[in-house]
């Protein structure tokens, strides 16, 4: 299950976490918007990208759950594009959450 998850944290250089005030439904919508943008910019990625869940962590991080393991792997590989699509001051962690 952890392989299908993507962990993002607030960028340490940022003063505020723009995603902190969003609820989990809003976070999923924001992730899906970022995935759609990635699909248009990077057409070599998996088909039908979709986030199906998000969990806010006590430390301010967010664990996203894409619908497929290949989507999670691609997001971690193309983390700069996902971060840009999220439009927040966040960083994507390389591996699945521990």
Protein backbone atom coordinates (compact mmCIF):
# COMPACT_ATOMS: atom_id res chain seq x y z
CA UNK A 1 0.00 0.00 0.00
CA UNK A 2 2.82 2.44 0.81
CA UNK A 3 4.14 2.15 -2.75
CA UNK A 4 0.90 3.78 -3.91
CA UNK A 5 1.36 6.77 -1.64
CA UNK A 6 3.11 10.08 -2.24
CA UNK A 7 4.35 12.11 0.71
CA UNK A 8 4.66 15.87 0.41
CA UNK A 9 5.94 18.28 3.03
CA UNK A 10 6.11 22.03 3.33
CA UNK A 11 9.22 23.45 1.73
CA UNK A 12 11.58 24.37 4.58
CA UNK A 13 12.42 27.63 2.80
CA UNK A 14 8.76 28.68 2.79
CA UNK A 15 7.30 30.71 5.62
CA UNK A 16 3.76 29.31 5.29
CA UNK A 17 2.10 26.10 4.16
CA UNK A 18 -0.55 27.08 1.62
CA UNK A 19 -2.15 23.65 1.82
CA UNK A 20 -2.64 23.67 5.59
CA UNK A 21 -6.10 25.22 5.48
CA UNK A 22 -7.49 22.84 2.85
CA UNK A 23 -9.63 19.85 3.83
CA UNK A 24 -8.92 16.40 2.44
CA UNK A 25 -11.47 16.72 -0.41
CA UNK A 26 -9.90 20.02 -1.48
CA UNK A 27 -6.44 18.45 -1.32
CA UNK A 28 -7.55 15.59 -3.60
CA UNK A 29 -9.07 18.10 -6.03
CA UNK A 30 -5.82 20.09 -6.04
CA UNK A 31 -3.79 16.92 -6.66
CA UNK A 32 -6.07 15.92 -9.53
CA UNK A 33 -5.66 19.37 -11.07
CA UNK A 34 -1.87 18.98 -10.81
CA UNK A 35 -2.03 15.49 -12.34
CA UNK A 36 -4.13 16.76 -15.26
CA UNK A 37 -1.61 19.54 -15.86
CA UNK A 38 1.24 17.02 -15.73
CA UNK A 39 -0.52 14.81 -18.29
CA UNK A 40 -0.63 17.68 -20.78
CA UNK A 41 2.96 18.77 -20.16
CA UNK A 42 4.52 15.30 -19.91
CA UNK A 43 2.57 13.00 -22.25
CA UNK A 44 4.90 10.02 -21.65
CA UNK A 45 3.28 9.37 -18.27
CA UNK A 46 0.65 6.82 -17.30
CA UNK A 47 -2.86 7.13 -18.69
CA UNK A 48 -5.79 8.32 -16.60
CA UNK A 49 -3.97 9.84 -13.65
CA UNK A 50 -6.09 10.28 -10.55
CA UNK A 51 -5.68 10.89 -6.84
CA UNK A 52 -8.28 9.11 -4.73
CA UNK A 53 -7.28 10.13 -1.23
CA UNK A 54 -5.32 12.53 0.93
CA UNK A 55 -4.44 12.41 4.60
CA UNK A 56 -3.12 15.35 6.56
CA UNK A 57 -0.32 14.47 8.95
CA UNK A 58 0.30 16.04 12.35
CA UNK A 59 3.61 17.52 11.13
CA UNK A 60 1.86 19.41 8.31
CA UNK A 61 2.74 16.90 5.61
CA UNK A 62 0.20 15.28 3.33
CA UNK A 63 0.04 11.70 2.11
CA UNK A 64 -1.66 11.45 -1.27
CA UNK A 65 -3.00 8.17 -2.55
CA UNK A 66 -3.11 7.92 -6.33
CA UNK A 67 -5.34 5.28 -7.90
CA UNK A 68 -2.41 3.21 -9.22
CA UNK A 69 1.12 2.41 -8.12
CA UNK A 70 2.48 3.58 -11.49
CA UNK A 71 0.91 7.01 -10.91
CA UNK A 72 2.66 7.31 -7.54
CA UNK A 73 5.99 6.27 -9.05
CA UNK A 74 5.60 8.77 -11.88
CA UNK A 75 4.72 11.61 -9.51
CA UNK A 76 7.84 10.87 -7.45
CA UNK A 77 9.91 10.78 -10.66
CA UNK A 78 8.40 14.01 -12.03
CA UNK A 79 8.14 15.70 -8.65
CA UNK A 80 8.95 19.19 -9.98
CA UNK A 81 5.97 19.09 -12.34
CA UNK A 82 3.65 17.85 -9.57
CA UNK A 83 4.89 20.52 -7.16
CA UNK A 84 4.33 23.22 -9.79
CA UNK A 85 0.82 21.90 -10.41
CA UNK A 86 -0.01 21.94 -6.70
CA UNK A 87 0.91 25.65 -6.68
CA UNK A 88 2.07 25.44 -3.11
CA UNK A 89 5.34 25.72 -1.33
CA UNK A 90 5.83 21.98 -0.96
CA UNK A 91 8.37 19.31 -1.72
CA UNK A 92 7.65 15.74 -2.85
CA UNK A 93 9.54 13.12 -0.91
CA UNK A 94 11.37 10.52 -3.01
CA UNK A 95 10.18 7.30 -1.40
CA UNK A 96 6.84 6.17 -0.04
CA UNK A 97 5.95 7.31 3.48
CA UNK A 98 7.63 5.36 6.27
